[in-house]
Amino acid sequence: MPAPHYHPPVKRSVTIDRHQTSISLEPVFWDMLKHAAAERGLAINALVSQIDAQRIVSETPPGLASAIRVWLVANMRDGDNRRDED
């Protein structure tokens, strides 16, 4: 039985500050991104713009797709830590 999360990246278009670009992410990360945006009441483009702004000012800016993956994992980890504190 194949593992459901192993799938090659899927390229999608997003708009960041009125500039269209494409990002390739594995479907599990697209799902996590949609969920994180919905939790915040944001459109995916708005959340990606926020992540991009944070990425650009970092000491060693990664590529946008990498920044999104790291942000999602950190967000998930931070959420788990908050639940542990409750």
N, C-alpha and C. Protein backbone atom coordinates (compact mmCIF):
# COMPACT_ATOMS: atom_id res chain seq x y z
N MET A 1 0.84 -1.18 0.00
CA MET A 1 0.00 0.00 0.00
C MET A 1 0.89 1.25 0.00
N PRO A 2 0.73 2.15 -0.97
CA PRO A 2 1.60 3.34 -1.04
C PRO A 2 1.29 4.34 0.08
N ALA A 3 2.32 5.03 0.52
CA ALA A 3 2.15 6.06 1.54
C ALA A 3 1.47 7.27 0.91
N PRO A 4 0.39 7.78 1.48
CA PRO A 4 -0.39 8.84 0.85
C PRO A 4 0.29 10.20 0.81
N HIS A 5 1.27 10.44 1.67
CA HIS A 5 1.88 11.77 1.73
C HIS A 5 3.06 11.94 0.78
N TYR A 6 3.50 10.86 0.17
CA TYR A 6 4.63 10.95 -0.73
C TYR A 6 4.14 11.25 -2.12
N HIS A 7 4.30 12.48 -2.52
CA HIS A 7 3.84 12.93 -3.83
C HIS A 7 4.78 14.03 -4.28
N PRO A 8 5.11 14.07 -5.55
CA PRO A 8 6.01 15.13 -6.01
C PRO A 8 5.37 16.51 -5.83
N PRO A 9 6.19 17.55 -5.80
CA PRO A 9 5.66 18.90 -5.66
C PRO A 9 4.68 19.25 -6.78
N VAL A 10 3.73 20.10 -6.42
CA VAL A 10 2.73 20.61 -7.36
C VAL A 10 2.96 22.11 -7.46
N LYS A 11 3.05 22.62 -8.69
CA LYS A 11 3.29 24.04 -8.91
C LYS A 11 1.95 24.78 -8.96
N ARG A 12 1.86 25.87 -8.20
CA ARG A 12 0.66 26.71 -8.20
C ARG A 12 1.09 28.17 -8.25
N SER A 13 0.22 28.99 -8.79
CA SER A 13 0.49 30.43 -8.87
C SER A 13 -0.04 31.13 -7.63
N VAL A 14 0.73 32.09 -7.15
CA VAL A 14 0.30 32.95 -6.05
C VAL A 14 0.67 34.38 -6.41
N THR A 15 0.02 35.32 -5.75
CA THR A 15 0.31 36.73 -5.97
C THR A 15 0.86 37.31 -4.68
N ILE A 16 2.03 37.91 -4.78
CA ILE A 16 2.68 38.55 -3.64
C ILE A 16 2.88 40.01 -4.00
N ASP A 17 2.23 40.88 -3.26
CA ASP A 17 2.34 42.32 -3.52
C ASP A 17 2.11 42.64 -5.00
N ARG A 18 1.05 42.12 -5.53
CA ARG A 18 0.60 42.34 -6.92
C ARG A 18 1.53 41.74 -7.96
N HIS A 19 2.47 40.89 -7.55
CA HIS A 19 3.36 40.20 -8.48
C HIS A 19 3.04 38.71 -8.45
N GLN A 20 2.75 38.17 -9.61
CA GLN A 20 2.43 36.75 -9.68
C GLN A 20 3.71 35.93 -9.79
N THR A 21 3.74 34.85 -9.03
CA THR A 21 4.86 33.92 -9.06
C THR A 21 4.31 32.52 -8.88
N SER A 22 5.13 31.54 -9.11
CA SER A 22 4.67 30.16 -8.89
C SER A 22 5.55 29.52 -7.82
N ILE A 23 4.92 28.64 -7.07
CA ILE A 23 5.59 27.93 -5.99
C ILE A 23 5.31 26.45 -6.16
N SER A 24 6.32 25.64 -5.98
CA SER A 24 6.16 24.19 -6.02
C SER A 24 6.26 23.64 -4.61
N LEU A 25 5.16 23.04 -4.14
CA LEU A 25 5.11 22.41 -2.83
C LEU A 25 4.44 21.06 -2.95
N GLU A 26 4.82 20.15 -2.08
CA GLU A 26 4.13 18.87 -2.02
C GLU A 26 2.70 19.11 -1.54
N PRO A 27 1.76 18.26 -1.99
CA PRO A 27 0.35 18.46 -1.62
C PRO A 27 0.11 18.58 -0.12
N VAL A 28 0.86 17.85 0.70
CA VAL A 28 0.65 17.94 2.15
C VAL A 28 0.95 19.35 2.64
N PHE A 29 1.94 20.02 2.04
CA PHE A 29 2.25 21.40 2.44
C PHE A 29 1.20 22.37 1.91
N TRP A 30 0.66 22.13 0.71
CA TRP A 30 -0.44 22.98 0.23
C TRP A 30 -1.63 22.86 1.18
N ASP A 31 -1.92 21.65 1.62
CA ASP A 31 -3.03 21.45 2.56
C ASP A 31 -2.78 22.18 3.88
N MET A 32 -1.57 22.08 4.38
CA MET A 32 -1.22 22.76 5.63
C MET A 32 -1.31 24.28 5.46
N LEU A 33 -0.88 24.78 4.31
CA LEU A 33 -0.93 26.22 4.05
C LEU A 33 -2.37 26.71 3.99
N LYS A 34 -3.23 25.96 3.31
CA LYS A 34 -4.66 26.33 3.25
C LYS A 34 -5.26 26.36 4.65
N HIS A 35 -4.94 25.36 5.45
CA HIS A 35 -5.46 25.28 6.81
C HIS A 35 -4.97 26.45 7.66
N ALA A 36 -3.68 26.76 7.58
CA ALA A 36 -3.10 27.86 8.36
C ALA A 36 -3.72 29.19 7.95
N ALA A 37 -3.93 29.39 6.65
CA ALA A 37 -4.56 30.63 6.17
C ALA A 37 -5.99 30.73 6.69
N ALA A 38 -6.73 29.64 6.61
CA ALA A 38 -8.12 29.64 7.07
C ALA A 38 -8.20 29.91 8.57
N GLU A 39 -7.29 29.32 9.34
CA GLU A 39 -7.26 29.56 10.79
C GLU A 39 -7.08 31.03 11.12
N ARG A 40 -6.34 31.74 10.26
CA ARG A 40 -6.05 33.15 10.49
C ARG A 40 -7.04 34.08 9.78
N GLY A 41 -7.97 33.50 9.05
CA GLY A 41 -8.93 34.31 8.30
C GLY A 41 -8.29 35.06 7.15
N LEU A 42 -7.26 34.45 6.56
CA LEU A 42 -6.52 35.07 5.47
C LEU A 42 -6.66 34.27 4.19
N ALA A 43 -6.48 34.94 3.08
CA ALA A 43 -6.34 34.26 1.80
C ALA A 43 -4.93 33.65 1.77
N ILE A 44 -4.76 32.60 1.00
CA ILE A 44 -3.43 31.99 0.88
C ILE A 44 -2.41 33.01 0.42
N ASN A 45 -2.76 33.86 -0.56
CA ASN A 45 -1.82 34.87 -1.04
C ASN A 45 -1.37 35.79 0.09
N ALA A 46 -2.28 36.16 0.99
CA ALA A 46 -1.93 37.06 2.10
C ALA A 46 -0.96 36.38 3.06
N LEU A 47 -1.21 35.11 3.37
CA LEU A 47 -0.30 34.38 4.26
C LEU A 47 1.06 34.20 3.60
N VAL A 48 1.08 33.85 2.33
CA VAL A 48 2.35 33.69 1.62
C VAL A 48 3.10 35.03 1.61
N SER A 49 2.39 36.14 1.45
CA SER A 49 3.04 37.46 1.49
C SER A 49 3.68 37.71 2.85
N GLN A 50 3.01 37.32 3.93
CA GLN A 50 3.57 37.50 5.27
C GLN A 50 4.83 36.65 5.45
N ILE A 51 4.75 35.41 5.00
CA ILE A 51 5.91 34.51 5.11
C ILE A 51 7.06 35.06 4.27
N ASP A 52 6.76 35.56 3.08
CA ASP A 52 7.78 36.12 2.20
C ASP A 52 8.46 37.32 2.86
N ALA A 53 7.68 38.19 3.49
CA ALA A 53 8.25 39.36 4.16
C ALA A 53 9.20 38.95 5.28
N GLN A 54 8.83 37.92 6.04
CA GLN A 54 9.69 37.42 7.11
C GLN A 54 10.96 36.80 6.54
N ARG A 55 10.80 36.09 5.45
CA ARG A 55 11.93 35.40 4.80
C ARG A 55 12.96 36.39 4.31
N ILE A 56 12.50 37.47 3.69
CA ILE A 56 13.40 38.44 3.07
C ILE A 56 14.31 39.11 4.09
N VAL A 57 13.80 39.35 5.29
CA VAL A 57 14.61 40.05 6.30
C VAL A 57 15.45 39.10 7.15
N SER A 58 15.36 37.80 6.89
CA SER A 58 16.16 36.86 7.68
C SER A 58 17.64 36.99 7.29
N GLU A 59 18.49 36.53 8.19
CA GLU A 59 19.94 36.65 7.98
C GLU A 59 20.40 35.94 6.71
N THR A 60 19.86 34.76 6.46
CA THR A 60 20.20 33.99 5.25
C THR A 60 18.89 33.55 4.60
N PRO A 61 18.28 34.43 3.80
CA PRO A 61 16.96 34.12 3.23
C PRO A 61 16.97 32.85 2.37
N PRO A 62 16.08 31.91 2.71
CA PRO A 62 15.94 30.72 1.87
C PRO A 62 15.04 31.04 0.68
N GLY A 63 14.88 30.09 -0.21
CA GLY A 63 13.91 30.24 -1.28
C GLY A 63 12.51 30.26 -0.69
N LEU A 64 11.56 30.78 -1.44
CA LEU A 64 10.21 30.94 -0.92
C LEU A 64 9.57 29.61 -0.55
N ALA A 65 9.69 28.60 -1.39
CA ALA A 65 9.08 27.30 -1.08
C ALA A 65 9.68 26.72 0.21
N SER A 66 10.98 26.83 0.37
CA SER A 66 11.62 26.35 1.60
C SER A 66 11.13 27.15 2.81
N ALA A 67 11.01 28.46 2.65
CA ALA A 67 10.54 29.31 3.75
C ALA A 67 9.13 28.91 4.16
N ILE A 68 8.28 28.60 3.20
CA ILE A 68 6.91 28.19 3.51
C ILE A 68 6.92 26.87 4.28
N ARG A 69 7.70 25.91 3.82
CA ARG A 69 7.77 24.62 4.52
C ARG A 69 8.25 24.80 5.96
N VAL A 70 9.33 25.58 6.14
CA VAL A 70 9.87 25.80 7.48
C VAL A 70 8.84 26.53 8.35
N TRP A 71 8.18 27.55 7.80
CA TRP A 71 7.17 28.29 8.55
C TRP A 71 6.04 27.35 8.99
N LEU A 72 5.60 26.49 8.10
CA LEU A 72 4.51 25.57 8.43
C LEU A 72 4.91 24.60 9.54
N VAL A 73 6.11 24.06 9.45
CA VAL A 73 6.57 23.11 10.48
C VAL A 73 6.73 23.85 11.81
N ALA A 74 7.32 25.05 11.79
CA ALA A 74 7.49 25.82 13.02
C ALA A 74 6.13 26.18 13.60
N ASN A 75 5.19 26.54 12.76
CA ASN A 75 3.84 26.89 13.20
C ASN A 75 3.17 25.68 13.87
N MET A 76 3.33 24.52 13.27
CA MET A 76 2.76 23.30 13.83
C MET A 76 3.43 22.98 15.16
N ARG A 77 4.73 23.09 15.21
CA ARG A 77 5.49 22.82 16.44
C ARG A 77 5.09 23.80 17.54
N ASP A 78 4.99 25.08 17.20
CA ASP A 78 4.61 26.09 18.18
C ASP A 78 3.19 25.85 18.69
N GLY A 79 2.30 25.41 17.81
CA GLY A 79 0.94 25.07 18.23
C GLY A 79 0.94 23.90 19.18
N ASP A 80 1.78 22.90 18.92
CA ASP A 80 1.89 21.76 19.83
C ASP A 80 2.42 22.19 21.18
N ASN A 81 3.39 23.11 21.19
CA ASN A 81 3.95 23.60 22.45
C ASN A 81 2.91 24.37 23.25
N ARG A 82 2.07 25.16 22.58
CA ARG A 82 1.01 25.90 23.28
C ARG A 82 0.01 24.93 23.89
N ARG A 83 -0.33 23.85 23.19
CA ARG A 83 -1.28 22.87 23.73
C ARG A 83 -0.69 22.16 24.95
N ASP A 84 0.63 21.91 24.92
CA ASP A 84 1.29 21.26 26.06
C ASP A 84 1.25 22.15 27.31
N GLU A 85 1.26 23.48 27.11
CA GLU A 85 1.25 24.42 28.24
C GLU A 85 -0.13 24.54 28.87
N ASP A 86 -1.18 24.17 28.13
CA ASP A 86 -2.56 24.29 28.65
C ASP A 86 -2.85 23.30 29.74
